[in-house]
PDB file of N, CA and C in Angstrom:
ATOM      1  N   MET A   1      20.942  75.184 -63.007  1.00  0.00           N
ATOM      2  CA  MET A   1      19.727  74.691 -62.393  1.00  0.00           C
ATOM      3  C   MET A   1      18.839  75.891 -62.101  1.00  0.00           C
ATOM      4  N   SER A   2      17.676  75.898 -62.675  1.00  0.00           N
ATOM      5  CA  SER A   2      16.787  77.042 -62.510  1.00  0.00           C
ATOM      6  C   SER A   2      15.990  76.971 -61.207  1.00  0.00           C
ATOM      7  N   GLU A   3      15.870  75.774 -60.650  1.00  0.00           N
ATOM      8  CA  GLU A   3      15.093  75.612 -59.430  1.00  0.00           C
ATOM      9  C   GLU A   3      16.002  75.750 -58.213  1.00  0.00           C
ATOM     10  N   ASN A   4      15.537  76.443 -57.207  1.00  0.00           N
ATOM     11  CA  ASN A   4      16.288  76.630 -55.974  1.00  0.00           C
ATOM     12  C   ASN A   4      16.431  75.281 -55.265  1.00  0.00           C
ATOM     13  N   ILE A   5      17.634  74.982 -54.779  1.00  0.00           N
ATOM     14  CA  ILE A   5      17.901  73.702 -54.110  1.00  0.00           C
ATOM     15  C   ILE A   5      17.017  73.548 -52.870  1.00  0.00           C
ATOM     16  N   TYR A   6      16.707  74.660 -52.199  1.00  0.00           N
ATOM     17  CA  TYR A   6      15.840  74.593 -51.022  1.00  0.00           C
ATOM     18  C   TYR A   6      14.404  74.262 -51.406  1.00  0.00           C
ATOM     19  N   ASP A   7      13.982  74.735 -52.549  1.00  0.00           N
ATOM     20  CA  ASP A   7      12.653  74.378 -53.038  1.00  0.00           C
ATOM     21  C   ASP A   7      12.579  72.878 -53.305  1.00  0.00           C
ATOM     22  N   LEU A   8      13.645  72.346 -53.884  1.00  0.00           N
ATOM     23  CA  LEU A   8      13.691  70.900 -54.137  1.00  0.00           C
ATOM     24  C   LEU A   8      13.668  70.114 -52.829  1.00  0.00           C
ATOM     25  N   ALA A   9      14.420  70.590 -51.840  1.00  0.00           N
ATOM     26  CA  ALA A   9      14.447  69.916 -50.535  1.00  0.00           C
ATOM     27  C   ALA A   9      13.064  69.950 -49.879  1.00  0.00           C
ATOM     28  N   ASN A  10      12.398  71.088 -49.973  1.00  0.00           N
ATOM     29  CA  ASN A  10      11.051  71.192 -49.397  1.00  0.00           C
ATOM     30  C   ASN A  10      10.053  70.312 -50.146  1.00  0.00           C
ATOM     31  N   GLU A  11      10.226  70.195 -51.435  1.00  0.00           N
ATOM     32  CA  GLU A  11       9.364  69.310 -52.223  1.00  0.00           C
ATOM     33  C   GLU A  11       9.595  67.852 -51.824  1.00  0.00           C
ATOM     34  N   LEU A  12      10.853  67.489 -51.598  1.00  0.00           N
ATOM     35  CA  LEU A  12      11.181  66.140 -51.138  1.00  0.00           C
ATOM     36  C   LEU A  12      10.533  65.874 -49.784  1.00  0.00           C
ATOM     37  N   GLU A  13      10.611  66.849 -48.896  1.00  0.00           N
ATOM     38  CA  GLU A  13      10.011  66.705 -47.568  1.00  0.00           C
ATOM     39  C   GLU A  13       8.506  66.457 -47.682  1.00  0.00           C
ATOM     40  N   ARG A  14       7.835  67.217 -48.522  1.00  0.00           N
ATOM     41  CA  ARG A  14       6.388  67.024 -48.716  1.00  0.00           C
ATOM     42  C   ARG A  14       6.101  65.649 -49.337  1.00  0.00           C
ATOM     43  N   GLY A  15       6.962  65.229 -50.251  1.00  0.00           N
ATOM     44  CA  GLY A  15       6.792  63.922 -50.872  1.00  0.00           C
ATOM     45  C   GLY A  15       6.944  62.787 -49.875  1.00  0.00           C
ATOM     46  N   ILE A  16       7.902  62.931 -48.969  1.00  0.00           N
ATOM     47  CA  ILE A  16       8.105  61.910 -47.938  1.00  0.00           C
ATOM     48  C   ILE A  16       6.873  61.824 -47.045  1.00  0.00           C
ATOM     49  N   ARG A  17       6.350  62.965 -46.642  1.00  0.00           N
ATOM     50  CA  ARG A  17       5.159  62.974 -45.774  1.00  0.00           C
ATOM     51  C   ARG A  17       3.931  62.386 -46.478  1.00  0.00           C
ATOM     52  N   ALA A  18       3.915  62.445 -47.791  1.00  0.00           N
ATOM     53  CA  ALA A  18       2.774  61.928 -48.555  1.00  0.00           C
ATOM     54  C   ALA A  18       2.865  60.421 -48.801  1.00  0.00           C
ATOM     55  N   LEU A  19       4.015  59.825 -48.544  1.00  0.00           N
ATOM     56  CA  LEU A  19       4.160  58.385 -48.766  1.00  0.00           C
ATOM     57  C   LEU A  19       3.198  57.590 -47.874  1.00  0.00           C
ATOM     58  N   PRO A  20       2.574  56.561 -48.412  1.00  0.00           N
ATOM     59  CA  PRO A  20       1.712  55.707 -47.574  1.00  0.00           C
ATOM     60  C   PRO A  20       2.494  55.102 -46.398  1.00  0.00           C
ATOM     61  N   GLU A  21       3.757  54.782 -46.617  1.00  0.00           N
ATOM     62  CA  GLU A  21       4.580  54.202 -45.549  1.00  0.00           C
ATOM     63  C   GLU A  21       4.790  55.198 -44.407  1.00  0.00           C
ATOM     64  N   TYR A  22       4.934  56.473 -44.753  1.00  0.00           N
ATOM     65  CA  TYR A  22       5.058  57.510 -43.720  1.00  0.00           C
ATOM     66  C   TYR A  22       3.770  57.586 -42.918  1.00  0.00           C
ATOM     67  N   GLN A  23       2.648  57.595 -43.624  1.00  0.00           N
ATOM     68  CA  GLN A  23       1.354  57.669 -42.961  1.00  0.00           C
ATOM     69  C   GLN A  23       1.139  56.463 -42.046  1.00  0.00           C
ATOM     70  N   THR A  24       1.588  55.301 -42.478  1.00  0.00           N
ATOM     71  CA  THR A  24       1.450  54.092 -41.661  1.00  0.00           C
ATOM     72  C   THR A  24       2.258  54.214 -40.376  1.00  0.00           C
ATOM     73  N   VAL A  25       3.487  54.738 -40.479  1.00  0.00           N
ATOM     74  CA  VAL A  25       4.313  54.937 -39.281  1.00  0.00           C
ATOM     75  C   VAL A  25       3.651  55.950 -38.350  1.00  0.00           C
ATOM     76  N   LYS A  26       3.148  57.014 -38.921  1.00  0.00           N
ATOM     77  CA  LYS A  26       2.495  58.065 -38.133  1.00  0.00           C
ATOM     78  C   LYS A  26       1.290  57.497 -37.382  1.00  0.00           C
ATOM     79  N   GLU A  27       0.473  56.713 -38.068  1.00  0.00           N
ATOM     80  CA  GLU A  27      -0.700  56.107 -37.432  1.00  0.00           C
ATOM     81  C   GLU A  27      -0.290  55.102 -36.356  1.00  0.00           C
ATOM     82  N   ALA A  28       0.764  54.332 -36.624  1.00  0.00           N
ATOM     83  CA  ALA A  28       1.254  53.365 -35.634  1.00  0.00           C
ATOM     84  C   ALA A  28       1.779  54.091 -34.396  1.00  0.00           C
ATOM     85  N   LYS A  29       2.433  55.217 -34.585  1.00  0.00           N
ATOM     86  CA  LYS A  29       2.943  56.014 -33.464  1.00  0.00           C
ATOM     87  C   LYS A  29       1.777  56.549 -32.640  1.00  0.00           C
ATOM     88  N   GLU A  30       0.716  56.973 -33.288  1.00  0.00           N
ATOM     89  CA  GLU A  30      -0.472  57.458 -32.574  1.00  0.00           C
ATOM     90  C   GLU A  30      -1.094  56.340 -31.736  1.00  0.00           C
ATOM     91  N   LYS A  31      -1.040  55.107 -32.223  1.00  0.00           N
ATOM     92  CA  LYS A  31      -1.562  53.966 -31.456  1.00  0.00           C
ATOM     93  C   LYS A  31      -0.726  53.732 -30.209  1.00  0.00           C
ATOM     94  N   ILE A  32       0.584  53.958 -30.313  1.00  0.00           N
ATOM     95  CA  ILE A  32       1.444  53.820 -29.128  1.00  0.00           C
ATOM     96  C   ILE A  32       1.032  54.855 -28.084  1.00  0.00           C
ATOM     97  N   GLU A  33       0.827  56.084 -28.536  1.00  0.00           N
ATOM     98  CA  GLU A  33       0.456  57.162 -27.616  1.00  0.00           C
ATOM     99  C   GLU A  33      -0.868  56.865 -26.921  1.00  0.00           C
ATOM    100  N   ALA A  34      -1.755  56.134 -27.576  1.00  0.00           N
ATOM    101  CA  ALA A  34      -3.074  55.827 -27.019  1.00  0.00           C
ATOM    102  C   ALA A  34      -3.084  54.579 -26.145  1.00  0.00           C
ATOM    103  N   ASP A  35      -1.985  53.826 -26.141  1.00  0.00           N
ATOM    104  CA  ASP A  35      -1.910  52.571 -25.392  1.00  0.00           C
ATOM    105  C   ASP A  35      -0.916  52.754 -24.242  1.00  0.00           C
ATOM    106  N   GLU A  36      -1.421  52.805 -23.023  1.00  0.00           N
ATOM    107  CA  GLU A  36      -0.588  53.110 -21.859  1.00  0.00           C
ATOM    108  C   GLU A  36       0.577  52.123 -21.703  1.00  0.00           C
ATOM    109  N   GLU A  37       0.305  50.844 -21.845  1.00  0.00           N
ATOM    110  CA  GLU A  37       1.347  49.827 -21.686  1.00  0.00           C
ATOM    111  C   GLU A  37       2.416  49.966 -22.777  1.00  0.00           C
ATOM    112  N   ALA A  38       1.973  50.133 -24.014  1.00  0.00           N
ATOM    113  CA  ALA A  38       2.924  50.269 -25.126  1.00  0.00           C
ATOM    114  C   ALA A  38       3.750  51.544 -24.973  1.00  0.00           C
ATOM    115  N   LYS A  39       3.109  52.635 -24.564  1.00  0.00           N
ATOM    116  CA  LYS A  39       3.820  53.908 -24.404  1.00  0.00           C
ATOM    117  C   LYS A  39       4.883  53.795 -23.322  1.00  0.00           C
ATOM    118  N   LYS A  40       4.535  53.168 -22.208  1.00  0.00           N
ATOM    119  CA  LYS A  40       5.486  53.008 -21.103  1.00  0.00           C
ATOM    120  C   LYS A  40       6.697  52.202 -21.560  1.00  0.00           C
ATOM    121  N   LEU A  41       6.453  51.084 -22.230  1.00  0.00           N
ATOM    122  CA  LEU A  41       7.546  50.243 -22.720  1.00  0.00           C
ATOM    123  C   LEU A  41       8.381  50.990 -23.755  1.00  0.00           C
ATOM    124  N   TRP A  42       7.717  51.709 -24.650  1.00  0.00           N
ATOM    125  CA  TRP A  42       8.438  52.450 -25.684  1.00  0.00           C
ATOM    126  C   TRP A  42       9.323  53.530 -25.067  1.00  0.00           C
ATOM    127  N   ASP A  43       8.787  54.259 -24.089  1.00  0.00           N
ATOM    128  CA  ASP A  43       9.569  55.297 -23.417  1.00  0.00           C
ATOM    129  C   ASP A  43      10.779  54.702 -22.704  1.00  0.00           C
ATOM    130  N   GLU A  44      10.594  53.559 -22.048  1.00  0.00           N
ATOM    131  CA  GLU A  44      11.714  52.879 -21.385  1.00  0.00           C
ATOM    132  C   GLU A  44      12.768  52.461 -22.413  1.00  0.00           C
ATOM    133  N   PHE A  45      12.316  51.916 -23.523  1.00  0.00           N
ATOM    134  CA  PHE A  45      13.230  51.483 -24.573  1.00  0.00           C
ATOM    135  C   PHE A  45      14.014  52.668 -25.140  1.00  0.00           C
ATOM    136  N   MET A  46      13.337  53.782 -25.368  1.00  0.00           N
ATOM    137  CA  MET A  46      14.010  54.962 -25.923  1.00  0.00           C
ATOM    138  C   MET A  46      15.059  55.498 -24.944  1.00  0.00           C
ATOM    139  N   THR A  47      14.754  55.495 -23.658  1.00  0.00           N
ATOM    140  CA  THR A  47      15.730  55.913 -22.639  1.00  0.00           C
ATOM    141  C   THR A  47      16.929  54.971 -22.653  1.00  0.00           C
ATOM    142  N   PHE A  48      16.656  53.687 -22.739  1.00  0.00           N
ATOM    143  CA  PHE A  48      17.726  52.693 -22.802  1.00  0.00           C
ATOM    144  C   PHE A  48      18.577  52.896 -24.053  1.00  0.00           C
ATOM    145  N   GLN A  49      17.928  53.148 -25.176  1.00  0.00           N
ATOM    146  CA  GLN A  49      18.644  53.347 -26.435  1.00  0.00           C
ATOM    147  C   GLN A  49      19.543  54.590 -26.361  1.00  0.00           C
ATOM    148  N   GLU A  50      19.058  55.648 -25.733  1.00  0.00           N
ATOM    149  CA  GLU A  50      19.872  56.854 -25.554  1.00  0.00           C
ATOM    150  C   GLU A  50      21.112  56.549 -24.720  1.00  0.00           C
ATOM    151  N   LYS A  51      20.944  55.723 -23.696  1.00  0.00           N
ATOM    152  CA  LYS A  51      22.063  55.311 -22.843  1.00  0.00           C
ATOM    153  C   LYS A  51      23.118  54.587 -23.680  1.00  0.00           C
ATOM    154  N   ILE A  52      22.666  53.695 -24.545  1.00  0.00           N
ATOM    155  CA  ILE A  52      23.599  52.939 -25.407  1.00  0.00           C
ATOM    156  C   ILE A  52      24.312  53.886 -26.369  1.00  0.00           C
ATOM    157  N   GLN A  53      23.584  54.817 -26.954  1.00  0.00           N
ATOM    158  CA  GLN A  53      24.194  55.758 -27.889  1.00  0.00           C
ATOM    159  C   GLN A  53      25.245  56.611 -27.195  1.00  0.00           C
ATOM    160  N   THR A  54      24.956  57.033 -25.973  1.00  0.00           N
ATOM    161  CA  THR A  54      25.929  57.815 -25.207  1.00  0.00           C
ATOM    162  C   THR A  54      27.178  56.984 -24.941  1.00  0.00           C
ATOM    163  N   MET A  55      26.993  55.736 -24.590  1.00  0.00           N
ATOM    164  CA  MET A  55      28.132  54.838 -24.363  1.00  0.00           C
ATOM    165  C   MET A  55      28.985  54.726 -25.622  1.00  0.00           C
ATOM    166  N   MET A  56      28.334  54.499 -26.745  1.00  0.00           N
ATOM    167  CA  MET A  56      29.050  54.306 -28.007  1.00  0.00           C
ATOM    168  C   MET A  56      29.809  55.576 -28.395  1.00  0.00           C
ATOM    169  N   GLN A  57      29.195  56.741 -28.151  1.00  0.00           N
ATOM    170  CA  GLN A  57      29.839  58.006 -28.493  1.00  0.00           C
ATOM    171  C   GLN A  57      31.071  58.265 -27.638  1.00  0.00           C
ATOM    172  N   THR A  58      31.094  57.702 -26.449  1.00  0.00           N
ATOM    173  CA  THR A  58      32.261  57.875 -25.585  1.00  0.00           C
ATOM    174  C   THR A  58      33.252  56.729 -25.722  1.00  0.00           C
ATOM    175  N   GLY A  59      33.017  55.871 -26.707  1.00  0.00           N
ATOM    176  CA  GLY A  59      33.953  54.792 -26.991  1.00  0.00           C
ATOM    177  C   GLY A  59      33.766  53.540 -26.157  1.00  0.00           C
ATOM    178  N   GLN A  60      32.711  53.490 -25.366  1.00  0.00           N
ATOM    179  CA  GLN A  60      32.449  52.310 -24.545  1.00  0.00           C
ATOM    180  C   GLN A  60      31.652  51.290 -25.348  1.00  0.00           C
ATOM    181  N   MET A  61      31.984  50.057 -25.163  1.00  0.00           N
ATOM    182  CA  MET A  61      31.239  48.984 -25.813  1.00  0.00           C
ATOM    183  C   MET A  61      30.214  48.437 -24.828  1.00  0.00           C
ATOM    184  N   PRO A  62      29.031  48.052 -25.324  1.00  0.00           N
ATOM    185  CA  PRO A  62      28.014  47.489 -24.438  1.00  0.00           C
ATOM    186  C   PRO A  62      28.514  46.211 -23.760  1.00  0.00           C
ATOM    187  N   THR A  63      28.268  46.128 -22.478  1.00  0.00           N
ATOM    188  CA  THR A  63      28.647  44.944 -21.712  1.00  0.00           C
ATOM    189  C   THR A  63      27.709  43.797 -22.076  1.00  0.00           C
ATOM    190  N   PRO A  64      28.077  42.583 -21.713  1.00  0.00           N
ATOM    191  CA  PRO A  64      27.158  41.456 -21.956  1.00  0.00           C
ATOM    192  C   PRO A  64      25.789  41.668 -21.290  1.00  0.00           C
ATOM    193  N   GLU A  65      25.778  42.326 -20.124  1.00  0.00           N
ATOM    194  CA  GLU A  65      24.516  42.588 -19.439  1.00  0.00           C
ATOM    195  C   GLU A  65      23.649  43.543 -20.258  1.00  0.00           C
ATOM    196  N   ILE A  66      24.273  44.555 -20.801  1.00  0.00           N
ATOM    197  CA  ILE A  66      23.529  45.521 -21.603  1.00  0.00           C
ATOM    198  C   ILE A  66      23.060  44.872 -22.897  1.00  0.00           C
ATOM    199  N   GLN A  67      23.886  44.018 -23.480  1.00  0.00           N
ATOM    200  CA  GLN A  67      23.471  43.295 -24.684  1.00  0.00           C
ATOM    201  C   GLN A  67      22.265  42.408 -24.378  1.00  0.00           C
ATOM    202  N   GLN A  68      22.260  41.785 -23.199  1.00  0.00           N
ATOM    203  CA  GLN A  68      21.119  40.950 -22.805  1.00  0.00           C
ATOM    204  C   GLN A  68      19.870  41.814 -22.617  1.00  0.00           C
ATOM    205  N   GLU A  69      20.053  42.974 -22.004  1.00  0.00           N
ATOM    206  CA  GLU A  69      18.933  43.889 -21.812  1.00  0.00           C
ATOM    207  C   GLU A  69      18.373  44.339 -23.161  1.00  0.00           C
ATOM    208  N   MET A  70      19.268  44.540 -24.128  1.00  0.00           N
ATOM    209  CA  MET A  70      18.853  44.917 -25.476  1.00  0.00           C
ATOM    210  C   MET A  70      17.995  43.807 -26.089  1.00  0.00           C
ATOM    211  N   GLN A  71      18.426  42.566 -25.931  1.00  0.00           N
ATOM    212  CA  GLN A  71      17.642  41.433 -26.444  1.00  0.00           C
ATOM    213  C   GLN A  71      16.293  41.336 -25.735  1.00  0.00           C
ATOM    214  N   ASP A  72      16.301  41.597 -24.428  1.00  0.00           N
ATOM    215  CA  ASP A  72      15.053  41.541 -23.661  1.00  0.00           C
ATOM    216  C   ASP A  72      14.054  42.576 -24.175  1.00  0.00           C
ATOM    217  N   TYR A  73      14.551  43.791 -24.437  1.00  0.00           N
ATOM    218  CA  TYR A  73      13.657  44.824 -24.992  1.00  0.00           C
ATOM    219  C   TYR A  73      13.134  44.395 -26.362  1.00  0.00           C
ATOM    220  N   GLY A  74      13.988  43.814 -27.169  1.00  0.00           N
ATOM    221  CA  GLY A  74      13.555  43.342 -28.481  1.00  0.00           C
ATOM    222  C   GLY A  74      12.431  42.338 -28.369  1.00  0.00           C
ATOM    223  N   GLN A  75      12.546  41.427 -27.418  1.00  0.00           N
ATOM    224  CA  GLN A  75      11.501  40.426 -27.212  1.00  0.00           C
ATOM    225  C   GLN A  75      10.210  41.049 -26.695  1.00  0.00           C
ATOM    226  N   LYS A  76      10.342  42.017 -25.784  1.00  0.00           N
ATOM    227  CA  LYS A  76       9.154  42.687 -25.251  1.00  0.00           C
ATOM    228  C   LYS A  76       8.433  43.467 -26.352  1.00  0.00           C
ATOM    229  N   ILE A  77       9.194  44.131 -27.195  1.00  0.00           N
ATOM    230  CA  ILE A  77       8.598  44.902 -28.291  1.00  0.00           C
ATOM    231  C   ILE A  77       7.919  43.961 -29.281  1.00  0.00           C
ATOM    232  N   GLU A  78       8.583  42.865 -29.577  1.00  0.00           N
ATOM    233  CA  GLU A  78       8.015  41.870 -30.501  1.00  0.00           C
ATOM    234  C   GLU A  78       6.718  41.273 -29.937  1.00  0.00           C
ATOM    235  N   ALA A  79       6.626  41.156 -28.614  1.00  0.00           N
ATOM    236  CA  ALA A  79       5.448  40.556 -27.978  1.00  0.00           C
ATOM    237  C   ALA A  79       4.279  41.532 -27.847  1.00  0.00           C
ATOM    238  N   ASN A  80       4.560  42.833 -27.994  1.00  0.00           N
ATOM    239  CA  ASN A  80       3.500  43.827 -27.888  1.00  0.00           C
ATOM    240  C   ASN A  80       3.003  44.151 -29.294  1.00  0.00           C
ATOM    241  N   PRO A  81       1.757  43.815 -29.620  1.00  0.00           N
ATOM    242  CA  PRO A  81       1.261  44.003 -30.991  1.00  0.00           C
ATOM    243  C   PRO A  81       1.349  45.449 -31.492  1.00  0.00           C
ATOM    244  N   VAL A  82       1.117  46.419 -30.612  1.00  0.00           N
ATOM    245  CA  VAL A  82       1.161  47.825 -31.017  1.00  0.00           C
ATOM    246  C   VAL A  82       2.590  48.221 -31.380  1.00  0.00           C
ATOM    247  N   LEU A  83       3.546  47.824 -30.553  1.00  0.00           N
ATOM    248  CA  LEU A  83       4.947  48.159 -30.818  1.00  0.00           C
ATOM    249  C   LEU A  83       5.508  47.359 -31.988  1.00  0.00           C
ATOM    250  N   LYS A  84       5.063  46.127 -32.112  1.00  0.00           N
ATOM    251  CA  LYS A  84       5.510  45.308 -33.241  1.00  0.00           C
ATOM    252  C   LYS A  84       5.055  45.939 -34.557  1.00  0.00           C
ATOM    253  N   GLN A  85       3.802  46.389 -34.595  1.00  0.00           N
ATOM    254  CA  GLN A  85       3.285  47.034 -35.799  1.00  0.00           C
ATOM    255  C   GLN A  85       4.098  48.292 -36.113  1.00  0.00           C
ATOM    256  N   TYR A  86       4.426  49.067 -35.085  1.00  0.00           N
ATOM    257  CA  TYR A  86       5.212  50.289 -35.274  1.00  0.00           C
ATOM    258  C   TYR A  86       6.603  49.957 -35.814  1.00  0.00           C
ATOM    259  N   ALA A  87       7.249  48.956 -35.241  1.00  0.00           N
ATOM    260  CA  ALA A  87       8.587  48.567 -35.695  1.00  0.00           C
ATOM    261  C   ALA A  87       8.562  48.098 -37.147  1.00  0.00           C
ATOM    262  N   GLU A  88       7.555  47.327 -37.507  1.00  0.00           N
ATOM    263  CA  GLU A  88       7.434  46.851 -38.891  1.00  0.00           C
ATOM    264  C   GLU A  88       7.177  48.013 -39.852  1.00  0.00           C
ATOM    265  N   ALA A  89       6.347  48.960 -39.423  1.00  0.00           N
ATOM    266  CA  ALA A  89       6.059  50.129 -40.262  1.00  0.00           C
ATOM    267  C   ALA A  89       7.314  50.978 -40.444  1.00  0.00           C
ATOM    268  N   GLN A  90       8.073  51.150 -39.370  1.00  0.00           N
ATOM    269  CA  GLN A  90       9.324  51.903 -39.462  1.00  0.00           C
ATOM    270  C   GLN A  90      10.301  51.229 -40.417  1.00  0.00           C
ATOM    271  N   GLN A  91      10.351  49.929 -40.366  1.00  0.00           N
ATOM    272  CA  GLN A  91      11.260  49.186 -41.237  1.00  0.00           C
ATOM    273  C   GLN A  91      10.890  49.387 -42.710  1.00  0.00           C
ATOM    274  N   ALA A  92       9.609  49.316 -43.025  1.00  0.00           N
ATOM    275  CA  ALA A  92       9.160  49.526 -44.411  1.00  0.00           C
ATOM    276  C   ALA A  92       9.446  50.955 -44.865  1.00  0.00           C
ATOM    277  N   PHE A  93       9.209  51.919 -43.988  1.00  0.00           N
ATOM    278  CA  PHE A  93       9.474  53.320 -44.306  1.00  0.00           C
ATOM    279  C   PHE A  93      10.977  53.561 -44.460  1.00  0.00           C
ATOM    280  N   GLY A  94      11.759  52.857 -43.655  1.00  0.00           N
ATOM    281  CA  GLY A  94      13.215  53.001 -43.684  1.00  0.00           C
ATOM    282  C   GLY A  94      13.835  52.664 -45.028  1.00  0.00           C
ATOM    283  N   VAL A  95      13.202  51.791 -45.785  1.00  0.00           N
ATOM    284  CA  VAL A  95      13.704  51.449 -47.115  1.00  0.00           C
ATOM    285  C   VAL A  95      13.752  52.706 -47.978  1.00  0.00           C
ATOM    286  N   TYR A  96      12.685  53.501 -47.938  1.00  0.00           N
ATOM    287  CA  TYR A  96      12.656  54.757 -48.700  1.00  0.00           C
ATOM    288  C   TYR A  96      13.733  55.716 -48.200  1.00  0.00           C
ATOM    289  N   ILE A  97      13.818  55.859 -46.892  1.00  0.00           N
ATOM    290  CA  ILE A  97      14.766  56.812 -46.318  1.00  0.00           C
ATOM    291  C   ILE A  97      16.196  56.423 -46.683  1.00  0.00           C
ATOM    292  N   ASN A  98      16.519  55.151 -46.613  1.00  0.00           N
ATOM    293  CA  ASN A  98      17.866  54.694 -46.984  1.00  0.00           C
ATOM    294  C   ASN A  98      18.164  54.978 -48.451  1.00  0.00           C
ATOM    295  N   ASP A  99      17.192  54.727 -49.313  1.00  0.00           N
ATOM    296  CA  ASP A  99      17.384  55.004 -50.742  1.00  0.00           C
ATOM    297  C   ASP A  99      17.568  56.499 -50.994  1.00  0.00           C
ATOM    298  N   ILE A 100      16.749  57.312 -50.338  1.00  0.00           N
ATOM    299  CA  ILE A 100      16.845  58.759 -50.514  1.00  0.00           C
ATOM    300  C   ILE A 100      18.194  59.264 -49.996  1.00  0.00           C
ATOM    301  N   GLU A 101      18.598  58.755 -48.857  1.00  0.00           N
ATOM    302  CA  GLU A 101      19.892  59.146 -48.290  1.00  0.00           C
ATOM    303  C   GLU A 101      21.031  58.801 -49.249  1.00  0.00           C
ATOM    304  N   ARG A 102      20.972  57.624 -49.825  1.00  0.00           N
ATOM    305  CA  ARG A 102      22.008  57.204 -50.782  1.00  0.00           C
ATOM    306  C   ARG A 102      22.056  58.162 -51.973  1.00  0.00           C
ATOM    307  N   ILE A 103      20.901  58.525 -52.481  1.00  0.00           N
ATOM    308  CA  ILE A 103      20.826  59.415 -53.649  1.00  0.00           C
ATOM    309  C   ILE A 103      21.332  60.814 -53.294  1.00  0.00           C
ATOM    310  N   VAL A 104      20.861  61.356 -52.171  1.00  0.00           N
ATOM    311  CA  VAL A 104      21.209  62.723 -51.788  1.00  0.00           C
ATOM    312  C   VAL A 104      22.700  62.858 -51.488  1.00  0.00           C
ATOM    313  N   PHE A 105      23.276  61.849 -50.857  1.00  0.00           N
ATOM    314  CA  PHE A 105      24.679  61.949 -50.469  1.00  0.00           C
ATOM    315  C   PHE A 105      25.644  61.447 -51.538  1.00  0.00           C
ATOM    316  N   SER A 106      25.119  60.989 -52.639  1.00  0.00           N
ATOM    317  CA  SER A 106      25.967  60.518 -53.752  1.00  0.00           C
ATOM    318  C   SER A 106      26.976  61.566 -54.199  1.00  0.00           C
ATOM    319  N   PRO A 107      26.589  62.838 -54.375  1.00  0.00           N
ATOM    320  CA  PRO A 107      27.589  63.838 -54.789  1.00  0.00           C
ATOM    321  C   PRO A 107      28.732  64.009 -53.785  1.00  0.00           C
ATOM    322  N   LEU A 108      28.416  63.901 -52.499  1.00  0.00           N
ATOM    323  CA  LEU A 108      29.461  64.008 -51.470  1.00  0.00           C
ATOM    324  C   LEU A 108      30.422  62.832 -51.545  1.00  0.00           C
ATOM    325  N   GLN A 109      29.879  61.654 -51.781  1.00  0.00           N
ATOM    326  CA  GLN A 109      30.733  60.471 -51.921  1.00  0.00           C
ATOM    327  C   GLN A 109      31.629  60.601 -53.148  1.00  0.00           C
ATOM    328  N   ASP A 110      31.086  61.170 -54.217  1.00  0.00           N
ATOM    329  CA  ASP A 110      31.900  61.394 -55.419  1.00  0.00           C
ATOM    330  C   ASP A 110      33.083  62.292 -55.134  1.00  0.00           C
ATOM    331  N   LEU A 111      32.898  63.273 -54.273  1.00  0.00           N
ATOM    332  CA  LEU A 111      33.986  64.197 -53.928  1.00  0.00           C
ATOM    333  C   LEU A 111      35.077  63.524 -53.098  1.00  0.00           C
ATOM    334  N   ASN A 112      34.716  62.468 -52.416  1.00  0.00           N
ATOM    335  CA  ASN A 112      35.678  61.764 -51.559  1.00  0.00           C
ATOM    336  C   ASN A 112      36.407  60.636 -52.259  1.00  0.00           C
ATOM    337  N   LYS A 113      36.150  60.462 -53.533  1.00  0.00           N
ATOM    338  CA  LYS A 113      36.809  59.380 -54.302  1.00  0.00           C
ATOM    339  C   LYS A 113      38.186  59.801 -54.726  1.00  0.00           C
TER     340      LYS A 113
END
């Protein structure tokens, strides 16, 4: 391979940033920052999500109360047009990221066969 692997990685990074889906997520995130209510809810949700991740990393399973709180946040996000747009944009962008991840990690999976 004549091209440096880091050059390829940097080219991929630039390509990802150039995707219309990336730009849509970026613009949706800027709308959250400009909307006080959406930003407050988003920050609360992110703190809650970190709490859940910490629980999972320590082997704890979410209680029914926490699962209900998770559903409540989902409903609040769905009801907020700014956050709903951001979530939808992230989902569309995620399709690319999942595909890229599958391609990039394919050689590692081959080694584990």
